[in-house]
Protein backbone atom coordinates (compact mmCIF):
# COMPACT_ATOMS: atom_id res chain seq x y z
CA MET A 1 -26.74 -15.44 -71.16
CA ASP A 2 -30.49 -17.70 -70.78
CA LEU A 3 -32.25 -17.87 -67.72
CA ALA A 4 -35.82 -19.00 -66.18
CA ILE A 5 -36.29 -17.53 -63.20
CA VAL A 6 -39.67 -19.25 -61.44
CA GLY A 7 -41.71 -17.52 -57.99
CA LEU A 8 -41.99 -14.02 -58.80
CA GLY A 9 -43.07 -12.83 -55.06
CA ARG A 10 -40.55 -10.03 -52.87
CA MET A 11 -37.20 -11.73 -54.14
CA GLY A 12 -38.09 -13.72 -57.71
CA SER A 13 -39.63 -10.52 -58.99
CA ASN A 14 -36.60 -8.34 -58.48
CA MET A 15 -33.82 -10.79 -59.11
CA VAL A 16 -35.75 -10.81 -62.13
CA LYS A 17 -35.33 -7.34 -62.75
CA ARG A 18 -31.65 -6.95 -61.51
CA LEU A 19 -30.49 -9.64 -64.31
CA LEU A 20 -32.51 -7.88 -66.45
CA ARG A 21 -30.45 -4.72 -66.01
CA GLY A 22 -27.56 -7.21 -66.56
CA GLY A 23 -28.77 -7.49 -70.01
CA HIS A 24 -29.30 -11.21 -69.43
CA ARG A 25 -33.14 -12.64 -71.32
CA VAL A 26 -34.69 -13.36 -68.98
CA VAL A 27 -37.91 -16.04 -68.64
CA ALA A 28 -40.82 -15.19 -65.88
CA TYR A 29 -43.47 -18.14 -64.82
CA ASN A 30 -45.42 -17.56 -61.36
CA ARG A 31 -48.42 -19.20 -60.19
CA SER A 32 -50.52 -16.07 -60.35
CA PRO A 33 -50.28 -13.54 -63.87
CA GLU A 34 -50.26 -10.44 -62.60
CA PRO A 35 -46.30 -11.19 -61.67
CA VAL A 36 -45.75 -11.79 -65.06
CA ARG A 37 -47.48 -9.28 -66.45
CA GLU A 38 -45.45 -6.36 -63.79
CA ALA A 39 -41.89 -8.79 -65.48
CA GLU A 40 -43.09 -8.90 -68.99
CA ALA A 41 -43.64 -4.85 -68.15
CA ALA A 42 -40.04 -4.99 -67.28
CA GLY A 43 -38.53 -6.88 -70.32
CA ALA A 44 -39.07 -10.36 -69.53
CA VAL A 45 -40.60 -13.02 -71.61
CA GLY A 46 -43.53 -14.40 -69.49
CA ALA A 47 -44.02 -17.92 -69.43
CA TYR A 48 -48.02 -18.84 -68.03
CA SER A 49 -47.13 -22.46 -67.59
CA LEU A 50 -44.53 -25.30 -66.67
CA GLU A 51 -44.47 -25.92 -69.77
CA ALA A 52 -44.27 -22.79 -71.39
CA VAL A 53 -41.39 -22.13 -69.54
CA ILE A 54 -39.50 -25.16 -71.01
CA GLU A 55 -40.11 -23.81 -74.90
CA GLN A 56 -38.65 -20.45 -74.59
CA LEU A 57 -35.07 -21.34 -73.68
CA SER A 58 -32.44 -22.16 -74.93
CA ALA A 59 -29.83 -25.74 -74.58
CA PRO A 60 -29.06 -26.00 -71.92
CA ARG A 61 -31.72 -25.04 -70.09
CA VAL A 62 -31.59 -23.13 -66.72
CA VAL A 63 -34.31 -23.47 -64.47
CA TRP A 64 -33.68 -20.72 -61.37
CA LEU A 65 -36.55 -21.96 -58.51
CA MET A 66 -37.51 -18.68 -56.06
CA VAL A 67 -40.57 -20.98 -54.34
CA PRO A 68 -41.30 -21.61 -50.80
CA ALA A 69 -39.22 -24.50 -48.87
CA GLY A 70 -40.97 -27.77 -48.54
CA ASP A 71 -43.49 -29.33 -50.77
CA PRO A 72 -43.94 -26.22 -53.16
CA THR A 73 -40.29 -26.98 -53.80
CA GLU A 74 -40.34 -31.08 -54.15
CA GLN A 75 -43.34 -29.88 -56.50
CA MET A 76 -41.35 -28.52 -58.56
CA VAL A 77 -38.23 -29.62 -58.81
CA GLU A 78 -40.07 -33.14 -59.68
CA LYS A 79 -42.21 -31.57 -62.30
CA PHE A 80 -38.91 -30.27 -64.13
CA ALA A 81 -37.74 -33.38 -62.92
CA GLU A 82 -39.98 -34.31 -66.33
CA LEU A 83 -39.67 -31.46 -67.90
CA LEU A 84 -36.07 -30.52 -68.34
CA ALA A 85 -33.57 -32.93 -70.41
CA PRO A 86 -30.49 -34.43 -69.91
CA GLY A 87 -27.50 -31.49 -69.29
CA ASP A 88 -30.19 -28.70 -67.74
CA VAL A 89 -29.59 -27.18 -64.64
CA LEU A 90 -32.30 -26.53 -62.73
CA VAL A 91 -30.62 -23.94 -59.24
CA ASP A 92 -32.35 -24.03 -55.64
CA GLY A 93 -32.48 -20.32 -54.22
CA GLY A 94 -34.91 -20.86 -51.50
CA ASN A 95 -34.52 -21.33 -48.04
CA SER A 96 -34.93 -25.37 -49.10
CA TYR A 97 -33.40 -28.35 -45.96
CA TRP A 98 -30.41 -29.09 -47.02
CA LYS A 99 -30.46 -32.56 -46.77
CA ASP A 100 -33.40 -32.47 -49.32
CA SER A 101 -31.24 -30.47 -51.59
CA VAL A 102 -28.68 -33.67 -51.53
CA ARG A 103 -31.53 -36.15 -51.66
CA ARG A 104 -32.92 -34.26 -54.59
CA ALA A 105 -29.57 -33.61 -56.59
CA GLU A 106 -29.46 -37.16 -56.23
CA ARG A 107 -33.34 -38.09 -57.87
CA LEU A 108 -31.77 -35.06 -60.82
CA ARG A 109 -28.13 -36.89 -61.62
CA GLU A 110 -30.11 -39.80 -62.48
CA ARG A 111 -31.77 -38.61 -65.67
CA GLY A 112 -28.37 -36.42 -66.95
CA ILE A 113 -30.02 -33.33 -65.25
CA ALA A 114 -27.72 -30.89 -62.81
CA PHE A 115 -29.74 -29.32 -59.92
CA LEU A 116 -27.27 -26.11 -57.17
CA ASP A 117 -28.71 -26.08 -54.19
CA VAL A 118 -28.46 -21.50 -53.62
CA GLY A 119 -28.49 -20.14 -50.44
CA THR A 120 -29.69 -16.88 -51.10
CA SER A 121 -29.49 -13.63 -49.10
CA GLY A 122 -29.97 -9.86 -49.81
CA GLY A 123 -33.74 -10.12 -49.15
CA ILE A 124 -35.47 -6.55 -50.11
CA TRP A 125 -32.65 -4.75 -50.38
CA GLY A 126 -31.24 -6.99 -53.44
CA LEU A 127 -32.45 -5.50 -56.39
CA GLU A 128 -30.51 -2.54 -55.30
CA VAL A 129 -27.61 -3.91 -53.32
CA GLY A 130 -27.28 -7.63 -54.73
CA TYR A 131 -27.83 -10.53 -53.34
CA CYS A 132 -24.91 -12.96 -51.35
CA LEU A 133 -24.53 -16.12 -52.85
CA MET A 134 -23.62 -19.74 -51.42
CA VAL A 135 -23.32 -22.58 -53.98
CA GLY A 136 -23.24 -25.66 -53.63
CA GLY A 137 -23.06 -28.54 -56.42
CA ASP A 138 -21.50 -29.44 -59.94
CA GLU A 139 -18.14 -27.64 -60.17
CA ALA A 140 -19.98 -27.33 -64.11
CA ALA A 141 -23.07 -26.25 -63.12
CA PHE A 142 -21.75 -23.67 -60.87
CA ARG A 143 -19.79 -22.51 -64.03
CA LEU A 144 -22.69 -22.73 -66.63
CA VAL A 145 -24.69 -20.01 -64.11
CA GLU A 146 -21.97 -17.90 -62.44
CA PRO A 147 -22.69 -15.20 -65.78
CA ALA A 148 -26.47 -14.34 -63.43
CA PHE A 149 -24.58 -15.14 -60.28
CA ARG A 150 -21.84 -12.36 -61.58
CA THR A 151 -24.89 -10.44 -62.08
CA LEU A 152 -27.16 -10.81 -59.07
CA ALA A 153 -24.12 -11.03 -56.70
CA PRO A 154 -21.98 -7.63 -55.59
CA GLU A 155 -18.59 -7.33 -55.77
CA ASP A 156 -17.08 -10.37 -53.98
CA GLY A 157 -20.38 -11.28 -52.77
CA TYR A 158 -20.50 -15.21 -54.12
CA ARG A 159 -19.19 -18.95 -54.26
CA HIS A 160 -18.88 -22.68 -54.85
CA VAL A 161 -18.78 -23.57 -51.59
CA GLY A 162 -18.43 -27.83 -51.56
CA PRO A 163 -21.15 -30.56 -53.03
CA SER A 164 -24.62 -30.75 -52.68
CA GLY A 165 -26.43 -29.89 -49.93
CA ALA A 166 -23.36 -27.33 -49.46
CA GLY A 167 -24.84 -24.23 -50.16
CA HIS A 168 -28.46 -24.22 -47.83
CA PHE A 169 -26.01 -25.50 -45.02
CA ALA A 170 -24.18 -22.90 -45.87
CA LYS A 171 -27.10 -20.01 -46.04
CA MET A 172 -28.47 -22.22 -42.94
CA VAL A 173 -26.18 -21.57 -40.24
CA HIS A 174 -26.12 -17.78 -41.70
CA ASN A 175 -29.69 -17.91 -40.74
CA GLY A 176 -28.70 -19.61 -37.22
CA ILE A 177 -26.31 -16.50 -36.75
CA GLU A 178 -28.08 -14.55 -37.81
CA TYR A 179 -31.22 -15.38 -35.39
CA GLY A 180 -28.08 -15.05 -32.89
CA LEU A 181 -27.48 -11.07 -33.49
CA MET A 182 -31.16 -10.19 -34.37
CA GLN A 183 -31.69 -11.05 -30.95
CA ALA A 184 -28.50 -9.93 -29.03
CA TYR A 185 -29.60 -6.09 -29.87
CA ALA A 186 -33.29 -6.68 -29.18
CA GLU A 187 -32.01 -7.30 -25.56
CA GLY A 188 -29.55 -4.34 -25.87
CA PHE A 189 -31.99 -2.11 -26.98
CA GLU A 190 -35.20 -3.17 -24.48
CA ILE A 191 -32.10 -1.78 -21.62
CA LEU A 192 -31.39 1.48 -22.90
CA GLN A 193 -35.50 1.29 -23.55
CA ALA A 194 -35.67 0.50 -19.21
CA SER A 195 -32.85 2.93 -18.05
CA PRO A 196 -33.37 5.67 -16.69
CA TYR A 197 -31.96 7.55 -19.33
CA ASP A 198 -33.82 9.86 -22.42
CA TYR A 199 -31.76 7.30 -24.69
CA ASP A 200 -32.76 8.69 -28.84
CA LEU A 201 -31.96 5.28 -30.32
CA ALA A 202 -31.58 6.35 -33.41
CA GLY A 203 -28.90 8.46 -33.49
CA LEU A 204 -27.51 5.37 -30.79
CA ALA A 205 -27.98 3.59 -33.70
CA ASN A 206 -26.66 5.25 -36.43
CA LEU A 207 -23.05 6.40 -33.18
CA TRP A 208 -22.52 2.25 -32.72
CA ASN A 209 -22.07 2.26 -36.75
CA HIS A 210 -18.71 4.75 -36.99
CA GLY A 211 -16.20 2.87 -35.02
CA SER A 212 -17.42 0.52 -33.20
CA VAL A 213 -16.91 -3.07 -33.19
CA ILE A 214 -20.99 -3.86 -33.52
CA ARG A 215 -21.19 -2.03 -36.40
CA SER A 216 -23.16 -4.11 -38.13
CA TRP A 217 -25.87 -3.10 -41.36
CA LEU A 218 -28.92 -4.63 -38.60
CA LEU A 219 -27.68 -1.46 -36.89
CA GLU A 220 -28.25 0.82 -40.32
CA LEU A 221 -32.29 -1.11 -40.01
CA ALA A 222 -31.91 -0.20 -36.48
CA GLU A 223 -31.61 2.97 -36.82
CA ARG A 224 -34.16 3.27 -39.90
CA ALA A 225 -36.70 1.47 -37.49
CA PHE A 226 -36.14 3.59 -34.31
CA ARG A 227 -36.31 6.74 -37.89
CA ARG A 228 -40.25 5.87 -38.37
CA ASP A 229 -40.63 5.00 -35.22
CA PRO A 230 -39.27 5.67 -31.87
CA ARG A 231 -40.33 3.45 -29.63
CA LEU A 232 -41.70 1.12 -32.09
CA GLU A 233 -45.04 1.60 -30.94
CA SER A 234 -47.05 0.78 -34.29
CA ILE A 235 -46.11 -3.17 -33.69
CA ARG A 236 -46.34 -5.93 -31.81
CA GLY A 237 -43.68 -7.90 -30.73
CA TYR A 238 -44.27 -10.87 -32.38
CA VAL A 239 -41.42 -12.75 -33.90
CA GLU A 240 -42.10 -16.40 -36.66
CA ASP A 241 -39.17 -17.65 -37.34
CA SER A 242 -38.15 -19.61 -41.38
CA GLY A 243 -37.51 -22.20 -40.51
CA GLU A 244 -33.86 -22.37 -40.33
CA GLY A 245 -32.81 -21.34 -37.39
CA ARG A 246 -34.87 -25.15 -36.84
CA TRP A 247 -32.71 -26.70 -38.58
CA THR A 248 -29.39 -25.29 -37.32
CA VAL A 249 -30.11 -25.45 -34.20
CA LEU A 250 -30.90 -29.60 -35.11
CA THR A 251 -27.86 -29.73 -36.86
CA ALA A 252 -25.61 -28.65 -33.81
CA ILE A 253 -27.27 -31.37 -31.69
CA GLU A 254 -26.82 -33.93 -34.09
CA GLU A 255 -23.15 -32.99 -34.49
CA ASP A 256 -22.87 -32.55 -30.92
CA VAL A 257 -21.15 -29.07 -31.23
CA PRO A 258 -22.57 -26.36 -28.82
CA ALA A 259 -25.34 -23.35 -29.51
CA PRO A 260 -26.36 -21.63 -26.59
CA VAL A 261 -27.05 -18.72 -28.31
CA ILE A 262 -28.78 -18.87 -31.64
CA THR A 263 -30.45 -21.96 -29.11
CA LEU A 264 -31.99 -19.87 -26.93
CA SER A 265 -32.61 -16.75 -29.73
CA LEU A 266 -34.72 -19.39 -31.57
CA GLN A 267 -36.31 -20.26 -27.92
CA MET A 268 -37.33 -16.33 -27.54
CA ARG A 269 -38.95 -16.01 -30.21
CA PHE A 270 -41.48 -18.53 -29.43
CA ARG A 271 -42.00 -16.99 -26.89
CA SER A 272 -42.51 -13.63 -28.96
CA ARG A 273 -45.70 -15.44 -30.19
CA GLN A 274 -47.45 -16.01 -26.26
CA ALA A 275 -49.55 -13.00 -25.24
CA ASP A 276 -49.04 -15.08 -21.05
CA SER A 277 -46.77 -17.64 -20.91
CA PHE A 278 -47.70 -20.84 -19.44
CA ALA A 279 -44.50 -21.99 -17.99
CA ALA A 280 -44.60 -17.89 -16.80
CA LYS A 281 -48.24 -18.41 -14.86
CA VAL A 282 -46.09 -22.20 -13.36
CA ALA A 283 -43.30 -20.45 -11.87
CA ALA A 284 -45.14 -17.85 -10.62
CA ALA A 285 -47.83 -20.60 -8.58
CA LEU A 286 -45.01 -22.84 -7.33
CA ARG A 287 -43.10 -19.38 -6.52
CA HIS A 288 -46.19 -18.76 -3.95
CA GLU A 289 -47.13 -22.37 -3.03
CA PHE A 290 -43.47 -22.51 -1.59
CA GLY A 291 -42.51 -19.52 -0.60
CA GLY A 292 -45.94 -17.27 -0.26
CA HIS A 293 -44.68 -15.30 -2.68
CA ALA A 294 -47.12 -12.39 -4.52
CA VAL A 295 -49.29 -13.16 -6.93
CA LEU A 296 -50.68 -11.28 -9.60
CA PRO A 297 -54.25 -11.65 -10.44
CA VAL A 298 -55.15 -12.57 -14.09
CA GLU A 299 -56.78 -9.25 -15.62
CA THR A 300 -60.32 -9.13 -17.78
CA PRO A 301 -61.06 -7.21 -21.10
CA HIS A 302 -61.82 -3.86 -19.20
CA GLY A 303 -59.29 -4.61 -17.21
CA GLU A 304 -61.01 -5.26 -13.36
CA ASP A 305 -59.39 -8.28 -11.54
CA THR A 306 -61.39 -11.85 -11.89
């Protein structure tokens, strides 16, 4: 089929390549020109303006956004709302908030333009193994874009999950679950690291992936990380969040659903960014005040006590 990919970051550029391998004609656009030139070298049709994207697509046009959530996506939706025609389809494959997707779908529907919110999972591995695609929006639009979904996903790796917003809602919860799984693995390996036994952590991760009830792709990735750096001495324990974990927790609160594991895993990401927790200082000070418990002094950069 004929479609455009707008946003050629790590995932967008790999999606272009996978679509090209599947025999699709792909128009590629990026705000900076170098990724467009790289896409052209791979066989895509380069576009150096949004107007050129539209001009090089046949109707009904399909434009797939792979840009950061929030204002960048909002701006692109607004621009394509002016450029696309009735019957065209705009796809958002980024990590947008599902309520924004519902609003955008309604905005475009007024202009006769279909909108699909596609929760996309697969990261940098998607080029080779495929992307898991959770699609929300109009059924007819889904069918129109389905040839691309079929190419991008592995077998049984895409599904129309409901009306507008359903795709990004599913991806939001997917990422919330991911937070909890990652935190459980992280805590388990820290206990192993602190134990009296000199475990080969990569070997143990490999072992657990053979018949164990906790086997998973995340364990495969843990093994890879431990093979490169057995004690992870080359990286900081600083963990960012994309926003979807926060949205999952907020939605759980709105719906009165208890989600303690996901909530605490998000909180632990916040804690990872603190060199020295002020809350921990308060707790230490209170223990000292009511019980006379010892407190540790602050160290200077040279290791001397202040």
